[in-house]
């Protein structure tokens, strides 16, 4: 369990999904390019069984940094 002090160190960032590709070595993962407004980041998301790439592009998500 995280303490309140540890939680205060967490940064929540709103980002828009720009590109989604299937991960070449995993059947449950997407490689996702997200735009935070300051930079573009690449993240891996284990949501491939729940969403198609078309459903994700353009959506806004929360990144925990």
PDB file of N, CA and C in Angstrom:
ATOM      1  N   UNK A   1       0.841  -1.175   0.000  1.00  0.00           N
ATOM      2  CA  UNK A   1       0.000   0.000   0.000  1.00  0.00           C
ATOM      3  C   UNK A   1       0.891   1.245   0.000  1.00  0.00           C
ATOM      4  N   UNK A   2       0.525   2.206  -0.805  1.00  0.00           N
ATOM      5  CA  UNK A   2       1.298   3.445  -0.914  1.00  0.00           C
ATOM      6  C   UNK A   2       0.879   4.428   0.183  1.00  0.00           C
ATOM      7  N   UNK A   3       1.855   5.136   0.691  1.00  0.00           N
ATOM      8  CA  UNK A   3       1.554   6.172   1.671  1.00  0.00           C
ATOM      9  C   UNK A   3       1.120   7.436   0.927  1.00  0.00           C
ATOM     10  N   UNK A   4       0.558   8.365   1.630  1.00  0.00           N
ATOM     11  CA  UNK A   4       0.128   9.626   1.019  1.00  0.00           C
ATOM     12  C   UNK A   4       1.339  10.378   0.466  1.00  0.00           C
ATOM     13  N   UNK A   5       2.476  10.264   1.125  1.00  0.00           N
ATOM     14  CA  UNK A   5       3.686  10.929   0.636  1.00  0.00           C
ATOM     15  C   UNK A   5       4.145  10.330  -0.694  1.00  0.00           C
ATOM     16  N   UNK A   6       4.068   9.029  -0.825  1.00  0.00           N
ATOM     17  CA  UNK A   6       4.422   8.378  -2.086  1.00  0.00           C
ATOM     18  C   UNK A   6       3.435   8.755  -3.190  1.00  0.00           C
ATOM     19  N   UNK A   7       2.155   8.832  -2.853  1.00  0.00           N
ATOM     20  CA  UNK A   7       1.138   9.201  -3.832  1.00  0.00           C
ATOM     21  C   UNK A   7       1.336  10.629  -4.337  1.00  0.00           C
ATOM     22  N   UNK A   8       1.793  11.509  -3.498  1.00  0.00           N
ATOM     23  CA  UNK A   8       2.024  12.899  -3.909  1.00  0.00           C
ATOM     24  C   UNK A   8       3.115  13.025  -4.956  1.00  0.00           C
ATOM     25  N   UNK A   9       4.005  12.053  -5.038  1.00  0.00           N
ATOM     26  CA  UNK A   9       5.077  12.068  -6.024  1.00  0.00           C
ATOM     27  C   UNK A   9       4.611  11.656  -7.416  1.00  0.00           C
ATOM     28  N   UNK A  10       3.441  11.035  -7.503  1.00  0.00           N
ATOM     29  CA  UNK A  10       2.916  10.547  -8.777  1.00  0.00           C
ATOM     30  C   UNK A  10       2.396  11.717  -9.605  1.00  0.00           C
ATOM     31  N   UNK A  11       2.740  11.711 -10.897  1.00  0.00           N
ATOM     32  CA  UNK A  11       2.253  12.732 -11.816  1.00  0.00           C
ATOM     33  C   UNK A  11       1.240  12.085 -12.757  1.00  0.00           C
ATOM     34  N   UNK A  12       0.055  12.658 -12.837  1.00  0.00           N
ATOM     35  CA  UNK A  12      -0.976  12.183 -13.763  1.00  0.00           C
ATOM     36  C   UNK A  12      -0.995  13.118 -14.964  1.00  0.00           C
ATOM     37  N   UNK A  13      -0.862  12.544 -16.160  1.00  0.00           N
ATOM     38  CA  UNK A  13      -0.749  13.337 -17.381  1.00  0.00           C
ATOM     39  C   UNK A  13      -1.851  12.922 -18.344  1.00  0.00           C
ATOM     40  N   UNK A  14      -2.586  13.906 -18.865  1.00  0.00           N
ATOM     41  CA  UNK A  14      -3.580  13.632 -19.901  1.00  0.00           C
ATOM     42  C   UNK A  14      -2.860  13.609 -21.244  1.00  0.00           C
ATOM     43  N   UNK A  15      -3.086  12.551 -22.019  1.00  0.00           N
ATOM     44  CA  UNK A  15      -2.434  12.409 -23.319  1.00  0.00           C
ATOM     45  C   UNK A  15      -3.437  11.899 -24.342  1.00  0.00           C
ATOM     46  N   UNK A  16      -3.206  12.231 -25.601  1.00  0.00           N
ATOM     47  CA  UNK A  16      -4.075  11.767 -26.680  1.00  0.00           C
ATOM     48  C   UNK A  16      -3.343  10.691 -27.476  1.00  0.00           C
ATOM     49  N   UNK A  17      -4.044   9.594 -27.744  1.00  0.00           N
ATOM     50  CA  UNK A  17      -3.462   8.492 -28.500  1.00  0.00           C
ATOM     51  C   UNK A  17      -3.378   8.895 -29.967  1.00  0.00           C
ATOM     52  N   UNK A  18      -2.169   8.803 -30.531  1.00  0.00           N
ATOM     53  CA  UNK A  18      -1.930   9.180 -31.926  1.00  0.00           C
ATOM     54  C   UNK A  18      -1.757   7.975 -32.839  1.00  0.00           C
ATOM     55  N   UNK A  19      -1.170   6.895 -32.327  1.00  0.00           N
ATOM     56  CA  UNK A  19      -0.888   5.729 -33.158  1.00  0.00           C
ATOM     57  C   UNK A  19      -0.898   4.475 -32.292  1.00  0.00           C
ATOM     58  N   UNK A  20      -1.428   3.384 -32.851  1.00  0.00           N
ATOM     59  CA  UNK A  20      -1.484   2.112 -32.141  1.00  0.00           C
ATOM     60  C   UNK A  20      -0.984   1.015 -33.072  1.00  0.00           C
ATOM     61  N   UNK A  21      -0.026   0.219 -32.579  1.00  0.00           N
ATOM     62  CA  UNK A  21       0.498  -0.920 -33.345  1.00  0.00           C
ATOM     63  C   UNK A  21       0.473  -2.156 -32.459  1.00  0.00           C
ATOM     64  N   UNK A  22       0.296  -3.316 -33.081  1.00  0.00           N
ATOM     65  CA  UNK A  22       0.364  -4.557 -32.329  1.00  0.00           C
ATOM     66  C   UNK A  22       1.817  -4.834 -31.937  1.00  0.00           C
ATOM     67  N   UNK A  23       2.012  -5.293 -30.716  1.00  0.00           N
ATOM     68  CA  UNK A  23       3.350  -5.662 -30.252  1.00  0.00           C
ATOM     69  C   UNK A  23       3.758  -6.942 -30.963  1.00  0.00           C
ATOM     70  N   UNK A  24       4.961  -6.972 -31.501  1.00  0.00           N
ATOM     71  CA  UNK A  24       5.397  -8.107 -32.314  1.00  0.00           C
ATOM     72  C   UNK A  24       5.650  -9.382 -31.510  1.00  0.00           C
ATOM     73  N   UNK A  25       5.910  -9.264 -30.209  1.00  0.00           N
ATOM     74  CA  UNK A  25       6.247 -10.434 -29.401  1.00  0.00           C
ATOM     75  C   UNK A  25       5.203 -10.799 -28.354  1.00  0.00           C
ATOM     76  N   UNK A  26       4.036 -10.168 -28.390  1.00  0.00           N
ATOM     77  CA  UNK A  26       3.023 -10.447 -27.375  1.00  0.00           C
ATOM     78  C   UNK A  26       1.631 -10.305 -27.979  1.00  0.00           C
ATOM     79  N   UNK A  27       0.763 -11.235 -27.676  1.00  0.00           N
ATOM     80  CA  UNK A  27      -0.573 -11.201 -28.267  1.00  0.00           C
ATOM     81  C   UNK A  27      -1.578 -10.383 -27.469  1.00  0.00           C
ATOM     82  N   UNK A  28      -1.176  -9.841 -26.334  1.00  0.00           N
ATOM     83  CA  UNK A  28      -2.083  -9.026 -25.519  1.00  0.00           C
ATOM     84  C   UNK A  28      -1.697  -7.550 -25.456  1.00  0.00           C
ATOM     85  N   UNK A  29      -0.607  -7.187 -26.125  1.00  0.00           N
ATOM     86  CA  UNK A  29      -0.070  -5.845 -25.973  1.00  0.00           C
ATOM     87  C   UNK A  29      -0.176  -5.013 -27.248  1.00  0.00           C
ATOM     88  N   UNK A  30      -0.356  -3.707 -27.042  1.00  0.00           N
ATOM     89  CA  UNK A  30      -0.227  -2.705 -28.097  1.00  0.00           C
ATOM     90  C   UNK A  30       0.963  -1.814 -27.760  1.00  0.00           C
ATOM     91  N   UNK A  31       1.621  -1.323 -28.784  1.00  0.00           N
ATOM     92  CA  UNK A  31       2.614  -0.265 -28.640  1.00  0.00           C
ATOM     93  C   UNK A  31       1.892   1.008 -29.069  1.00  0.00           C
ATOM     94  N   UNK A  32       1.810   1.975 -28.166  1.00  0.00           N
ATOM     95  CA  UNK A  32       0.962   3.153 -28.354  1.00  0.00           C
ATOM     96  C   UNK A  32       1.804   4.423 -28.310  1.00  0.00           C
ATOM     97  N   UNK A  33       1.613   5.295 -29.298  1.00  0.00           N
ATOM     98  CA  UNK A  33       2.237   6.620 -29.307  1.00  0.00           C
ATOM     99  C   UNK A  33       1.209   7.605 -28.751  1.00  0.00           C
ATOM    100  N   UNK A  34       1.578   8.327 -27.694  1.00  0.00           N
ATOM    101  CA  UNK A  34       0.669   9.290 -27.081  1.00  0.00           C
ATOM    102  C   UNK A  34       1.303  10.675 -27.066  1.00  0.00           C
ATOM    103  N   UNK A  35       0.482  11.685 -27.280  1.00  0.00           N
ATOM    104  CA  UNK A  35       0.924  13.082 -27.287  1.00  0.00           C
ATOM    105  C   UNK A  35       0.458  13.741 -25.999  1.00  0.00           C
ATOM    106  N   UNK A  36       1.410  14.201 -25.181  1.00  0.00           N
ATOM    107  CA  UNK A  36       1.072  14.832 -23.907  1.00  0.00           C
ATOM    108  C   UNK A  36       0.871  16.341 -24.026  1.00  0.00           C
ATOM    109  N   UNK A  37       1.138  16.883 -25.197  1.00  0.00           N
ATOM    110  CA  UNK A  37       1.109  18.328 -25.364  1.00  0.00           C
ATOM    111  C   UNK A  37       2.493  18.925 -25.220  1.00  0.00           C
ATOM    112  N   UNK A  38       3.372  18.231 -24.508  1.00  0.00           N
ATOM    113  CA  UNK A  38       4.766  18.656 -24.349  1.00  0.00           C
ATOM    114  C   UNK A  38       5.697  17.772 -25.158  1.00  0.00           C
ATOM    115  N   UNK A  39       5.336  16.500 -25.257  1.00  0.00           N
ATOM    116  CA  UNK A  39       6.157  15.552 -26.002  1.00  0.00           C
ATOM    117  C   UNK A  39       5.305  14.371 -26.450  1.00  0.00           C
ATOM    118  N   UNK A  40       5.909  13.524 -27.269  1.00  0.00           N
ATOM    119  CA  UNK A  40       5.256  12.291 -27.705  1.00  0.00           C
ATOM    120  C   UNK A  40       5.988  11.149 -27.026  1.00  0.00           C
ATOM    121  N   UNK A  41       5.204  10.270 -26.401  1.00  0.00           N
ATOM    122  CA  UNK A  41       5.793   9.150 -25.673  1.00  0.00           C
ATOM    123  C   UNK A  41       5.298   7.835 -26.256  1.00  0.00           C
ATOM    124  N   UNK A  42       6.105   6.827 -26.087  1.00  0.00           N
ATOM    125  CA  UNK A  42       5.711   5.484 -26.488  1.00  0.00           C
ATOM    126  C   UNK A  42       5.473   4.674 -25.230  1.00  0.00           C
ATOM    127  N   UNK A  43       4.311   4.043 -25.147  1.00  0.00           N
ATOM    128  CA  UNK A  43       3.980   3.201 -24.001  1.00  0.00           C
ATOM    129  C   UNK A  43       3.469   1.864 -24.522  1.00  0.00           C
ATOM    130  N   UNK A  44       3.497   0.875 -23.663  1.00  0.00           N
ATOM    131  CA  UNK A  44       2.953  -0.433 -23.986  1.00  0.00           C
ATOM    132  C   UNK A  44       1.732  -0.649 -23.106  1.00  0.00           C
ATOM    133  N   UNK A  45       0.635  -1.076 -23.732  1.00  0.00           N
ATOM    134  CA  UNK A  45      -0.626  -1.248 -23.012  1.00  0.00           C
ATOM    135  C   UNK A  45      -1.161  -2.661 -23.223  1.00  0.00           C
ATOM    136  N   UNK A  46      -1.553  -3.305 -22.158  1.00  0.00           N
ATOM    137  CA  UNK A  46      -2.089  -4.662 -22.229  1.00  0.00           C
ATOM    138  C   UNK A  46      -3.589  -4.676 -22.438  1.00  0.00           C
ATOM    139  N   UNK A  47      -4.044  -4.037 -23.501  1.00  0.00           N
ATOM    140  CA  UNK A  47      -5.485  -3.891 -23.756  1.00  0.00           C
ATOM    141  C   UNK A  47      -5.905  -4.423 -25.122  1.00  0.00           C
ATOM    142  N   UNK A  48      -5.051  -5.217 -25.747  1.00  0.00           N
ATOM    143  CA  UNK A  48      -5.291  -5.659 -27.118  1.00  0.00           C
ATOM    144  C   UNK A  48      -6.540  -6.534 -27.250  1.00  0.00           C
ATOM    145  N   UNK A  49      -6.884  -7.298 -26.237  1.00  0.00           N
ATOM    146  CA  UNK A  49      -8.069  -8.157 -26.316  1.00  0.00           C
ATOM    147  C   UNK A  49      -9.365  -7.370 -26.119  1.00  0.00           C
ATOM    148  N   UNK A  50      -9.274  -6.160 -25.595  1.00  0.00           N
ATOM    149  CA  UNK A  50     -10.469  -5.371 -25.297  1.00  0.00           C
ATOM    150  C   UNK A  50     -10.789  -4.300 -26.334  1.00  0.00           C
ATOM    151  N   UNK A  51      -9.764  -3.820 -27.071  1.00  0.00           N
ATOM    152  CA  UNK A  51      -9.949  -2.705 -28.005  1.00  0.00           C
ATOM    153  C   UNK A  51      -9.244  -2.987 -29.322  1.00  0.00           C
ATOM    154  N   UNK A  52      -9.800  -2.442 -30.392  1.00  0.00           N
ATOM    155  CA  UNK A  52      -9.117  -2.445 -31.681  1.00  0.00           C
ATOM    156  C   UNK A  52      -8.326  -1.145 -31.781  1.00  0.00           C
ATOM    157  N   UNK A  53      -7.315  -1.087 -32.643  1.00  0.00           N
ATOM    158  CA  UNK A  53      -6.578   0.171 -32.808  1.00  0.00           C
ATOM    159  C   UNK A  53      -7.488   1.323 -33.213  1.00  0.00           C
ATOM    160  N   UNK A  54      -8.479   1.046 -34.048  1.00  0.00           N
ATOM    161  CA  UNK A  54      -9.401   2.096 -34.506  1.00  0.00           C
ATOM    162  C   UNK A  54     -10.204   2.694 -33.352  1.00  0.00           C
ATOM    163  N   UNK A  55     -10.500   1.891 -32.335  1.00  0.00           N
ATOM    164  CA  UNK A  55     -11.239   2.384 -31.171  1.00  0.00           C
ATOM    165  C   UNK A  55     -10.382   3.283 -30.284  1.00  0.00           C
ATOM    166  N   UNK A  56      -9.073   3.154 -30.375  1.00  0.00           N
ATOM    167  CA  UNK A  56      -8.178   3.874 -29.472  1.00  0.00           C
ATOM    168  C   UNK A  56      -7.649   5.190 -30.030  1.00  0.00           C
ATOM    169  N   UNK A  57      -7.371   5.253 -31.318  1.00  0.00           N
ATOM    170  CA  UNK A  57      -6.771   6.453 -31.908  1.00  0.00           C
ATOM    171  C   UNK A  57      -7.714   7.642 -31.707  1.00  0.00           C
ATOM    172  N   UNK A  58      -7.148   8.714 -31.156  1.00  0.00           N
ATOM    173  CA  UNK A  58      -7.918   9.926 -30.902  1.00  0.00           C
ATOM    174  C   UNK A  58      -8.429  10.034 -29.475  1.00  0.00           C
ATOM    175  N   UNK A  59      -8.461   8.937 -28.760  1.00  0.00           N
ATOM    176  CA  UNK A  59      -8.935   8.969 -27.372  1.00  0.00           C
ATOM    177  C   UNK A  59      -7.921   9.641 -26.457  1.00  0.00           C
ATOM    178  N   UNK A  60      -8.414  10.164 -25.384  1.00  0.00           N
ATOM    179  CA  UNK A  60      -7.544  10.725 -24.354  1.00  0.00           C
ATOM    180  C   UNK A  60      -7.448   9.713 -23.215  1.00  0.00           C
ATOM    181  N   UNK A  61      -6.246   9.613 -22.674  1.00  0.00           N
ATOM    182  CA  UNK A  61      -5.978   8.679 -21.583  1.00  0.00           C
ATOM    183  C   UNK A  61      -5.184   9.392 -20.493  1.00  0.00           C
ATOM    184  N   UNK A  62      -5.138   8.778 -19.333  1.00  0.00           N
ATOM    185  CA  UNK A  62      -4.344   9.292 -18.218  1.00  0.00           C
ATOM    186  C   UNK A  62      -3.101   8.435 -18.089  1.00  0.00           C
ATOM    187  N   UNK A  63      -1.921   9.062 -18.133  1.00  0.00           N
ATOM    188  CA  UNK A  63      -0.655   8.374 -17.900  1.00  0.00           C
ATOM    189  C   UNK A  63      -0.236   8.612 -16.466  1.00  0.00           C
ATOM    190  N   UNK A  64       0.253   7.572 -15.819  1.00  0.00           N
ATOM    191  CA  UNK A  64       0.793   7.696 -14.474  1.00  0.00           C
ATOM    192  C   UNK A  64       2.307   7.721 -14.615  1.00  0.00           C
ATOM    193  N   UNK A  65       2.901   8.843 -14.213  1.00  0.00           N
ATOM    194  CA  UNK A  65       4.351   9.005 -14.366  1.00  0.00           C
ATOM    195  C   UNK A  65       5.012   9.200 -13.004  1.00  0.00           C
TER     196      UNK A  65
END
